[in-house]
Amino acid sequence: MKRALGSLEWTERAIFFATGLLLFAGALALLKRSVELLLPMFAGDSGSTLAYASQFLDVVLLVLMLIELAYTVMLSLRGSVLQAEPFLIVGLIAVIRRMLVITVGEHVPNGSSVTGSANELAVLTGVVLALVASIYILRLRPKRDPSAQPPNTTTATRS
């Protein structure tokens, strides 16, 4: 039984490691793409600069999301308990990313309708407030020692 559990734990770590490598590789590829988008921003006219800036922000925020996820995978590899806060931060970055895309889209010709954008921005603002409140509440909680036993667990001792 111990051998089977050891094999499963090793497999889990190998999968986490491979996932972390893929996330970092994706982040590096997107970082390269962001540099490619940054260079034309300096050379173009104001209309194309805004379009490139929108794409640049989109890619950079996606890089941040990937790095947060990779950080969470690294915590799992170190044996730490999986925490909710990095996932909330990724969600917050994703919502802000969407808000920026909508906002820039209103200034680019052939953008989406203003009414639909306003409604979506209102909903996204509520989501941002909920995520920030969740992160704040999580940070208020006292930190637990991962090696400590849960308070309701009793251990039997042999006499």
N, C-alpha and C. Protein backbone atom coordinates (compact mmCIF):
# COMPACT_ATOMS: atom_id res chain seq x y z
N MET A 1 0.83 -1.20 0.00
CA MET A 1 0.00 0.00 0.00
C MET A 1 0.87 1.26 0.00
N LYS A 2 1.94 1.24 0.80
CA LYS A 2 2.82 2.40 0.86
C LYS A 2 3.51 2.62 -0.48
N ARG A 3 3.84 1.53 -1.16
CA ARG A 3 4.50 1.65 -2.46
C ARG A 3 3.55 2.30 -3.48
N ALA A 4 2.28 1.92 -3.44
CA ALA A 4 1.29 2.50 -4.36
C ALA A 4 1.10 3.99 -4.07
N LEU A 5 1.01 4.34 -2.79
CA LEU A 5 0.87 5.75 -2.43
C LEU A 5 2.10 6.55 -2.85
N GLY A 6 3.28 5.97 -2.68
CA GLY A 6 4.51 6.63 -3.10
C GLY A 6 4.53 6.86 -4.60
N SER A 7 4.05 5.88 -5.36
CA SER A 7 3.99 6.01 -6.81
C SER A 7 3.01 7.12 -7.22
N LEU A 8 1.88 7.17 -6.55
CA LEU A 8 0.89 8.21 -6.85
C LEU A 8 1.43 9.60 -6.51
N GLU A 9 2.13 9.71 -5.39
CA GLU A 9 2.70 11.00 -5.00
C GLU A 9 3.77 11.43 -6.01
N TRP A 10 4.61 10.49 -6.46
CA TRP A 10 5.63 10.81 -7.44
C TRP A 10 4.98 11.25 -8.75
N THR A 11 3.93 10.53 -9.16
CA THR A 11 3.22 10.89 -10.40
C THR A 11 2.61 12.27 -10.28
N GLU A 12 2.02 12.57 -9.13
CA GLU A 12 1.43 13.89 -8.91
C GLU A 12 2.49 14.98 -9.04
N ARG A 13 3.63 14.78 -8.42
CA ARG A 13 4.71 15.77 -8.50
C ARG A 13 5.22 15.92 -9.93
N ALA A 14 5.33 14.82 -10.67
CA ALA A 14 5.78 14.89 -12.06
C ALA A 14 4.79 15.69 -12.91
N ILE A 15 3.51 15.48 -12.67
CA ILE A 15 2.49 16.22 -13.42
C ILE A 15 2.54 17.71 -13.06
N PHE A 16 2.68 18.02 -11.77
CA PHE A 16 2.80 19.41 -11.35
C PHE A 16 4.03 20.06 -11.97
N PHE A 17 5.14 19.32 -12.00
CA PHE A 17 6.37 19.84 -12.57
C PHE A 17 6.20 20.14 -14.06
N ALA A 18 5.61 19.19 -14.79
CA ALA A 18 5.38 19.38 -16.23
C ALA A 18 4.43 20.56 -16.47
N THR A 19 3.40 20.66 -15.65
CA THR A 19 2.46 21.78 -15.78
C THR A 19 3.16 23.11 -15.53
N GLY A 20 4.00 23.16 -14.50
CA GLY A 20 4.76 24.38 -14.21
C GLY A 20 5.67 24.76 -15.36
N LEU A 21 6.36 23.77 -15.94
CA LEU A 21 7.22 24.05 -17.10
C LEU A 21 6.42 24.61 -18.26
N LEU A 22 5.27 24.02 -18.53
CA LEU A 22 4.43 24.50 -19.63
C LEU A 22 3.93 25.92 -19.38
N LEU A 23 3.56 26.22 -18.14
CA LEU A 23 3.10 27.57 -17.81
C LEU A 23 4.22 28.60 -17.99
N PHE A 24 5.43 28.25 -17.53
CA PHE A 24 6.55 29.17 -17.71
C PHE A 24 6.92 29.32 -19.18
N ALA A 25 6.88 28.24 -19.95
CA ALA A 25 7.17 28.32 -21.38
C ALA A 25 6.14 29.21 -22.08
N GLY A 26 4.87 29.04 -21.74
CA GLY A 26 3.83 29.88 -22.31
C GLY A 26 4.02 31.34 -21.94
N ALA A 27 4.39 31.60 -20.68
CA ALA A 27 4.62 32.98 -20.25
C ALA A 27 5.79 33.60 -21.00
N LEU A 28 6.85 32.82 -21.22
CA LEU A 28 8.00 33.34 -21.97
C LEU A 28 7.62 33.64 -23.42
N ALA A 29 6.83 32.76 -24.03
CA ALA A 29 6.39 32.99 -25.41
C ALA A 29 5.53 34.25 -25.50
N LEU A 30 4.65 34.43 -24.53
CA LEU A 30 3.81 35.63 -24.53
C LEU A 30 4.62 36.89 -24.23
N LEU A 31 5.65 36.75 -23.41
CA LEU A 31 6.51 37.88 -23.13
C LEU A 31 7.24 38.33 -24.40
N LYS A 32 7.68 37.36 -25.19
CA LYS A 32 8.30 37.67 -26.49
C LYS A 32 7.29 38.40 -27.38
N ARG A 33 6.05 37.92 -27.38
CA ARG A 33 5.00 38.55 -28.19
C ARG A 33 4.73 39.98 -27.72
N SER A 34 4.79 40.21 -26.41
CA SER A 34 4.54 41.56 -25.90
C SER A 34 5.63 42.53 -26.34
N VAL A 35 6.88 42.06 -26.44
CA VAL A 35 7.96 42.91 -26.94
C VAL A 35 7.71 43.23 -28.41
N GLU A 36 7.23 42.24 -29.17
CA GLU A 36 6.91 42.48 -30.58
C GLU A 36 5.80 43.51 -30.73
N LEU A 37 4.87 43.54 -29.80
CA LEU A 37 3.78 44.53 -29.85
C LEU A 37 4.22 45.89 -29.35
N LEU A 38 5.22 45.91 -28.50
CA LEU A 38 5.68 47.17 -27.91
C LEU A 38 6.45 48.01 -28.92
N LEU A 39 7.25 47.38 -29.74
CA LEU A 39 8.08 48.12 -30.69
C LEU A 39 7.26 48.95 -31.68
N PRO A 40 6.20 48.42 -32.32
CA PRO A 40 5.42 49.26 -33.26
C PRO A 40 4.67 50.41 -32.58
N MET A 41 4.48 50.33 -31.28
CA MET A 41 3.79 51.42 -30.58
C MET A 41 4.57 52.72 -30.68
N PHE A 42 5.90 52.60 -30.72
CA PHE A 42 6.73 53.80 -30.80
C PHE A 42 6.80 54.37 -32.22
N ALA A 43 6.60 53.49 -33.22
CA ALA A 43 6.79 53.92 -34.61
C ALA A 43 5.48 54.32 -35.31
N GLY A 44 4.34 53.87 -34.79
CA GLY A 44 3.07 54.09 -35.49
C GLY A 44 2.43 55.42 -35.18
N ASP A 45 1.34 55.69 -35.93
CA ASP A 45 0.55 56.89 -35.66
C ASP A 45 -0.35 56.64 -34.45
N SER A 46 -1.09 57.63 -34.03
CA SER A 46 -1.87 57.52 -32.79
C SER A 46 -2.96 56.44 -32.87
N GLY A 47 -3.56 56.26 -34.04
CA GLY A 47 -4.59 55.23 -34.18
C GLY A 47 -4.04 53.83 -34.03
N SER A 48 -2.92 53.56 -34.68
CA SER A 48 -2.33 52.23 -34.57
C SER A 48 -1.68 52.03 -33.21
N THR A 49 -1.19 53.10 -32.60
CA THR A 49 -0.59 53.00 -31.26
C THR A 49 -1.62 52.53 -30.25
N LEU A 50 -2.83 53.04 -30.34
CA LEU A 50 -3.90 52.63 -29.42
C LEU A 50 -4.26 51.16 -29.62
N ALA A 51 -4.31 50.73 -30.86
CA ALA A 51 -4.62 49.33 -31.14
C ALA A 51 -3.51 48.43 -30.62
N TYR A 52 -2.25 48.80 -30.85
CA TYR A 52 -1.14 48.01 -30.33
C TYR A 52 -1.10 48.03 -28.81
N ALA A 53 -1.44 49.16 -28.21
CA ALA A 53 -1.46 49.26 -26.74
C ALA A 53 -2.50 48.33 -26.16
N SER A 54 -3.63 48.23 -26.81
CA SER A 54 -4.68 47.32 -26.36
C SER A 54 -4.19 45.87 -26.40
N GLN A 55 -3.59 45.50 -27.51
CA GLN A 55 -3.07 44.14 -27.64
C GLN A 55 -1.93 43.90 -26.64
N PHE A 56 -1.08 44.90 -26.45
CA PHE A 56 0.04 44.79 -25.52
C PHE A 56 -0.46 44.54 -24.09
N LEU A 57 -1.43 45.37 -23.65
CA LEU A 57 -1.99 45.18 -22.30
C LEU A 57 -2.62 43.81 -22.14
N ASP A 58 -3.33 43.36 -23.17
CA ASP A 58 -3.97 42.06 -23.14
C ASP A 58 -2.94 40.95 -22.94
N VAL A 59 -1.85 41.02 -23.68
CA VAL A 59 -0.82 39.99 -23.60
C VAL A 59 -0.07 40.05 -22.26
N VAL A 60 0.27 41.25 -21.81
CA VAL A 60 1.01 41.38 -20.56
C VAL A 60 0.18 40.88 -19.38
N LEU A 61 -1.10 41.19 -19.36
CA LEU A 61 -1.95 40.70 -18.27
C LEU A 61 -2.11 39.19 -18.34
N LEU A 62 -2.12 38.63 -19.52
CA LEU A 62 -2.16 37.18 -19.67
C LEU A 62 -0.87 36.55 -19.13
N VAL A 63 0.26 37.21 -19.35
CA VAL A 63 1.53 36.74 -18.78
C VAL A 63 1.45 36.73 -17.26
N LEU A 64 0.89 37.79 -16.69
CA LEU A 64 0.74 37.84 -15.23
C LEU A 64 -0.13 36.70 -14.71
N MET A 65 -1.20 36.39 -15.44
CA MET A 65 -2.06 35.29 -15.03
C MET A 65 -1.31 33.96 -15.06
N LEU A 66 -0.55 33.74 -16.11
CA LEU A 66 0.22 32.49 -16.21
C LEU A 66 1.26 32.38 -15.10
N ILE A 67 1.91 33.49 -14.78
CA ILE A 67 2.93 33.47 -13.73
C ILE A 67 2.28 33.19 -12.37
N GLU A 68 1.12 33.76 -12.11
CA GLU A 68 0.41 33.47 -10.85
C GLU A 68 0.06 31.98 -10.75
N LEU A 69 -0.42 31.42 -11.85
CA LEU A 69 -0.74 29.99 -11.85
C LEU A 69 0.52 29.15 -11.67
N ALA A 70 1.62 29.54 -12.32
CA ALA A 70 2.88 28.82 -12.16
C ALA A 70 3.37 28.90 -10.72
N TYR A 71 3.19 30.05 -10.09
CA TYR A 71 3.56 30.21 -8.69
C TYR A 71 2.76 29.26 -7.80
N THR A 72 1.48 29.12 -8.09
CA THR A 72 0.63 28.21 -7.33
C THR A 72 1.11 26.77 -7.50
N VAL A 73 1.49 26.41 -8.72
CA VAL A 73 2.02 25.06 -8.97
C VAL A 73 3.32 24.87 -8.19
N MET A 74 4.17 25.89 -8.16
CA MET A 74 5.43 25.78 -7.40
C MET A 74 5.15 25.57 -5.91
N LEU A 75 4.14 26.25 -5.38
CA LEU A 75 3.78 26.04 -3.97
C LEU A 75 3.35 24.60 -3.74
N SER A 76 2.62 24.04 -4.68
CA SER A 76 2.18 22.65 -4.55
C SER A 76 3.38 21.70 -4.59
N LEU A 77 4.36 22.00 -5.42
CA LEU A 77 5.55 21.16 -5.51
C LEU A 77 6.38 21.23 -4.23
N ARG A 78 6.37 22.37 -3.59
CA ARG A 78 7.12 22.50 -2.33
C ARG A 78 6.43 21.80 -1.17
N GLY A 79 5.24 21.29 -1.41
CA GLY A 79 4.53 20.58 -0.36
C GLY A 79 3.61 21.45 0.45
N SER A 80 3.46 22.68 0.05
CA SER A 80 2.55 23.57 0.78
C SER A 80 1.11 23.19 0.47
N VAL A 81 0.24 23.62 1.33
CA VAL A 81 -1.18 23.39 1.12
C VAL A 81 -1.65 24.33 0.02
N LEU A 82 -2.51 23.83 -0.84
CA LEU A 82 -3.04 24.65 -1.92
C LEU A 82 -3.84 25.80 -1.32
N GLN A 83 -3.54 27.01 -1.76
CA GLN A 83 -4.18 28.19 -1.21
C GLN A 83 -5.12 28.81 -2.22
N ALA A 84 -6.16 29.45 -1.72
CA ALA A 84 -7.17 30.06 -2.60
C ALA A 84 -6.72 31.42 -3.13
N GLU A 85 -5.88 32.14 -2.39
CA GLU A 85 -5.54 33.50 -2.76
C GLU A 85 -4.92 33.64 -4.16
N PRO A 86 -3.97 32.78 -4.56
CA PRO A 86 -3.44 32.94 -5.92
C PRO A 86 -4.51 32.80 -7.01
N PHE A 87 -5.48 31.93 -6.80
CA PHE A 87 -6.55 31.78 -7.77
C PHE A 87 -7.45 33.02 -7.81
N LEU A 88 -7.67 33.62 -6.65
CA LEU A 88 -8.44 34.87 -6.61
C LEU A 88 -7.70 35.99 -7.32
N ILE A 89 -6.38 36.02 -7.17
CA ILE A 89 -5.58 37.04 -7.84
C ILE A 89 -5.63 36.83 -9.36
N VAL A 90 -5.54 35.57 -9.80
CA VAL A 90 -5.65 35.29 -11.23
C VAL A 90 -7.02 35.74 -11.75
N GLY A 91 -8.06 35.47 -11.00
CA GLY A 91 -9.40 35.91 -11.39
C GLY A 91 -9.49 37.42 -11.46
N LEU A 92 -8.87 38.10 -10.49
CA LEU A 92 -8.87 39.56 -10.48
C LEU A 92 -8.13 40.12 -11.69
N ILE A 93 -6.98 39.54 -12.01
CA ILE A 93 -6.24 39.99 -13.19
C ILE A 93 -7.07 39.75 -14.45
N ALA A 94 -7.75 38.60 -14.52
CA ALA A 94 -8.56 38.30 -15.71
C ALA A 94 -9.70 39.29 -15.87
N VAL A 95 -10.34 39.65 -14.77
CA VAL A 95 -11.45 40.61 -14.85
C VAL A 95 -10.94 41.99 -15.25
N ILE A 96 -9.83 42.41 -14.65
CA ILE A 96 -9.26 43.71 -15.01
C ILE A 96 -8.82 43.70 -16.47
N ARG A 97 -8.28 42.59 -16.91
CA ARG A 97 -7.89 42.45 -18.32
C ARG A 97 -9.09 42.66 -19.23
N ARG A 98 -10.20 42.02 -18.89
CA ARG A 98 -11.41 42.16 -19.70
C ARG A 98 -11.92 43.61 -19.68
N MET A 99 -11.85 44.25 -18.51
CA MET A 99 -12.30 45.63 -18.41
C MET A 99 -11.46 46.55 -19.29
N LEU A 100 -10.16 46.31 -19.31
CA LEU A 100 -9.28 47.14 -20.14
C LEU A 100 -9.56 46.91 -21.62
N VAL A 101 -9.81 45.67 -22.00
CA VAL A 101 -10.11 45.38 -23.41
C VAL A 101 -11.40 46.08 -23.83
N ILE A 102 -12.41 46.06 -22.96
CA ILE A 102 -13.67 46.73 -23.26
C ILE A 102 -13.46 48.24 -23.37
N THR A 103 -12.73 48.80 -22.42
CA THR A 103 -12.50 50.24 -22.39
C THR A 103 -11.74 50.71 -23.63
N VAL A 104 -10.69 49.99 -23.99
CA VAL A 104 -9.92 50.36 -25.17
C VAL A 104 -10.75 50.12 -26.43
N GLY A 105 -11.58 49.10 -26.43
CA GLY A 105 -12.42 48.80 -27.59
C GLY A 105 -13.40 49.91 -27.90
N GLU A 106 -13.81 50.68 -26.90
CA GLU A 106 -14.73 51.80 -27.12
C GLU A 106 -14.04 52.96 -27.84
N HIS A 107 -12.73 53.02 -27.73
CA HIS A 107 -11.99 54.12 -28.35
C HIS A 107 -11.45 53.76 -29.73
N VAL A 108 -11.48 52.47 -30.05
CA VAL A 108 -11.02 52.02 -31.36
C VAL A 108 -12.20 52.02 -32.31
N PRO A 109 -12.03 52.48 -33.55
CA PRO A 109 -13.15 52.48 -34.50
C PRO A 109 -13.74 51.07 -34.65
N ASN A 110 -15.04 51.00 -34.90
CA ASN A 110 -15.79 49.74 -35.01
C ASN A 110 -15.81 48.98 -33.69
N GLY A 111 -15.77 49.69 -32.58
CA GLY A 111 -15.84 49.05 -31.27
C GLY A 111 -17.24 48.57 -30.97
N SER A 112 -17.42 47.90 -29.83
CA SER A 112 -18.73 47.36 -29.48
C SER A 112 -19.67 48.48 -29.04
N SER A 113 -20.94 48.12 -28.85
CA SER A 113 -21.92 49.14 -28.46
C SER A 113 -21.64 49.64 -27.06
N VAL A 114 -21.92 50.92 -26.85
CA VAL A 114 -21.63 51.54 -25.56
C VAL A 114 -22.55 51.00 -24.47
N THR A 115 -23.82 50.75 -24.77
CA THR A 115 -24.77 50.25 -23.76
C THR A 115 -24.35 48.87 -23.27
N GLY A 116 -24.05 47.99 -24.20
CA GLY A 116 -23.61 46.65 -23.81
C GLY A 116 -22.32 46.69 -23.02
N SER A 117 -21.42 47.57 -23.42
CA SER A 117 -20.14 47.70 -22.71
C SER A 117 -20.37 48.24 -21.30
N ALA A 118 -21.26 49.20 -21.16
CA ALA A 118 -21.52 49.77 -19.84
C ALA A 118 -22.11 48.72 -18.90
N ASN A 119 -23.02 47.90 -19.41
CA ASN A 119 -23.60 46.84 -18.59
C ASN A 119 -22.53 45.82 -18.18
N GLU A 120 -21.70 45.43 -19.14
CA GLU A 120 -20.65 44.46 -18.83
C GLU A 120 -19.64 45.05 -17.85
N LEU A 121 -19.30 46.31 -18.01
CA LEU A 121 -18.37 46.95 -17.09
C LEU A 121 -18.95 47.03 -15.67
N ALA A 122 -20.26 47.25 -15.57
CA ALA A 122 -20.91 47.29 -14.25
C ALA A 122 -20.82 45.93 -13.57
N VAL A 123 -21.09 44.87 -14.33
CA VAL A 123 -21.02 43.52 -13.77
C VAL A 123 -19.58 43.20 -13.37
N LEU A 124 -18.63 43.54 -14.24
CA LEU A 124 -17.22 43.27 -13.95
C LEU A 124 -16.74 44.06 -12.74
N THR A 125 -17.25 45.26 -12.55
CA THR A 125 -16.90 46.04 -11.37
C THR A 125 -17.37 45.33 -10.10
N GLY A 126 -18.57 44.77 -10.15
CA GLY A 126 -19.06 43.99 -9.01
C GLY A 126 -18.19 42.77 -8.74
N VAL A 127 -17.74 42.12 -9.80
CA VAL A 127 -16.87 40.95 -9.64
C VAL A 127 -15.53 41.37 -9.02
N VAL A 128 -14.98 42.50 -9.46
CA VAL A 128 -13.73 43.00 -8.89
C VAL A 128 -13.90 43.26 -7.40
N LEU A 129 -14.99 43.92 -7.03
CA LEU A 129 -15.24 44.19 -5.60
C LEU A 129 -15.36 42.91 -4.79
N ALA A 130 -16.04 41.90 -5.34
CA ALA A 130 -16.18 40.62 -4.64
C ALA A 130 -14.83 39.92 -4.49
N LEU A 131 -14.02 39.94 -5.54
CA LEU A 131 -12.70 39.30 -5.46
C LEU A 131 -11.78 40.02 -4.48
N VAL A 132 -11.80 41.35 -4.51
CA VAL A 132 -10.97 42.11 -3.57
C VAL A 132 -11.42 41.86 -2.14
N ALA A 133 -12.72 41.82 -1.90
CA ALA A 133 -13.23 41.53 -0.56
C ALA A 133 -12.81 40.13 -0.12
N SER A 134 -12.85 39.17 -1.03
CA SER A 134 -12.43 37.80 -0.69
C SER A 134 -10.96 37.74 -0.33
N ILE A 135 -10.13 38.43 -1.10
CA ILE A 135 -8.69 38.45 -0.80
C ILE A 135 -8.45 39.13 0.54
N TYR A 136 -9.16 40.21 0.80
CA TYR A 136 -9.02 40.92 2.08
C TYR A 136 -9.40 40.02 3.25
N ILE A 137 -10.51 39.32 3.12
CA ILE A 137 -10.96 38.42 4.19
C ILE A 137 -9.96 37.29 4.41
N LEU A 138 -9.43 36.73 3.31
CA LEU A 138 -8.43 35.67 3.45
C LEU A 138 -7.18 36.16 4.16
N ARG A 139 -6.79 37.39 3.90
CA ARG A 139 -5.59 37.93 4.55
C ARG A 139 -5.83 38.27 6.01
N LEU A 140 -7.08 38.47 6.41
CA LEU A 140 -7.39 38.73 7.81
C LEU A 140 -7.32 37.46 8.67
N ARG A 141 -7.55 36.33 8.03
CA ARG A 141 -7.54 35.07 8.78
C ARG A 141 -6.15 34.80 9.34
N PRO A 142 -6.11 34.23 10.55
CA PRO A 142 -4.80 33.87 11.09
C PRO A 142 -4.20 32.72 10.28
N LYS A 143 -2.89 32.75 10.11
CA LYS A 143 -2.20 31.70 9.37
C LYS A 143 -2.19 30.42 10.18
N ARG A 144 -2.39 29.31 9.46
CA ARG A 144 -2.36 28.00 10.12
C ARG A 144 -1.02 27.36 9.89
N ASP A 145 -0.58 26.60 10.88
CA ASP A 145 0.64 25.81 10.74
C ASP A 145 0.26 24.53 10.02
N PRO A 146 0.84 24.27 8.81
CA PRO A 146 0.43 23.10 8.05
C PRO A 146 0.77 21.78 8.74
N SER A 147 1.74 21.80 9.67
CA SER A 147 2.09 20.56 10.35
C SER A 147 1.19 20.29 11.56
N ALA A 148 0.43 21.29 11.97
CA ALA A 148 -0.46 21.12 13.12
C ALA A 148 -1.67 20.28 12.75
N GLN A 149 -2.16 19.54 13.74
CA GLN A 149 -3.36 18.73 13.51
C GLN A 149 -4.59 19.61 13.61
N PRO A 150 -5.66 19.23 12.90
CA PRO A 150 -6.91 19.97 13.04
C PRO A 150 -7.39 19.92 14.48
N PRO A 151 -8.09 20.95 14.96
CA PRO A 151 -8.47 21.02 16.37
C PRO A 151 -9.45 19.93 16.79
N ASN A 152 -10.27 19.39 15.90
CA ASN A 152 -11.25 18.37 16.27
C ASN A 152 -10.67 16.96 16.26
N THR A 153 -9.42 16.79 15.85
CA THR A 153 -8.84 15.46 15.76
C THR A 153 -8.26 15.06 17.10
N THR A 154 -8.63 13.90 17.55
CA THR A 154 -8.05 13.36 18.78
C THR A 154 -7.17 12.19 18.42
N THR A 155 -6.06 12.10 19.09
CA THR A 155 -5.14 11.00 18.84
C THR A 155 -5.24 10.02 19.97
N ALA A 156 -5.28 8.77 19.63
CA ALA A 156 -5.34 7.72 20.64
C ALA A 156 -3.93 7.38 21.07
N THR A 157 -3.73 7.29 22.36
CA THR A 157 -2.41 6.91 22.88
C THR A 157 -2.49 5.55 23.49
N ARG A 158 -1.43 4.80 23.33
CA ARG A 158 -1.39 3.45 23.92
C ARG A 158 -0.85 3.53 25.33
N SER A 159 -1.46 2.81 26.21
CA SER A 159 -1.00 2.81 27.59
C SER A 159 -0.14 1.62 27.85
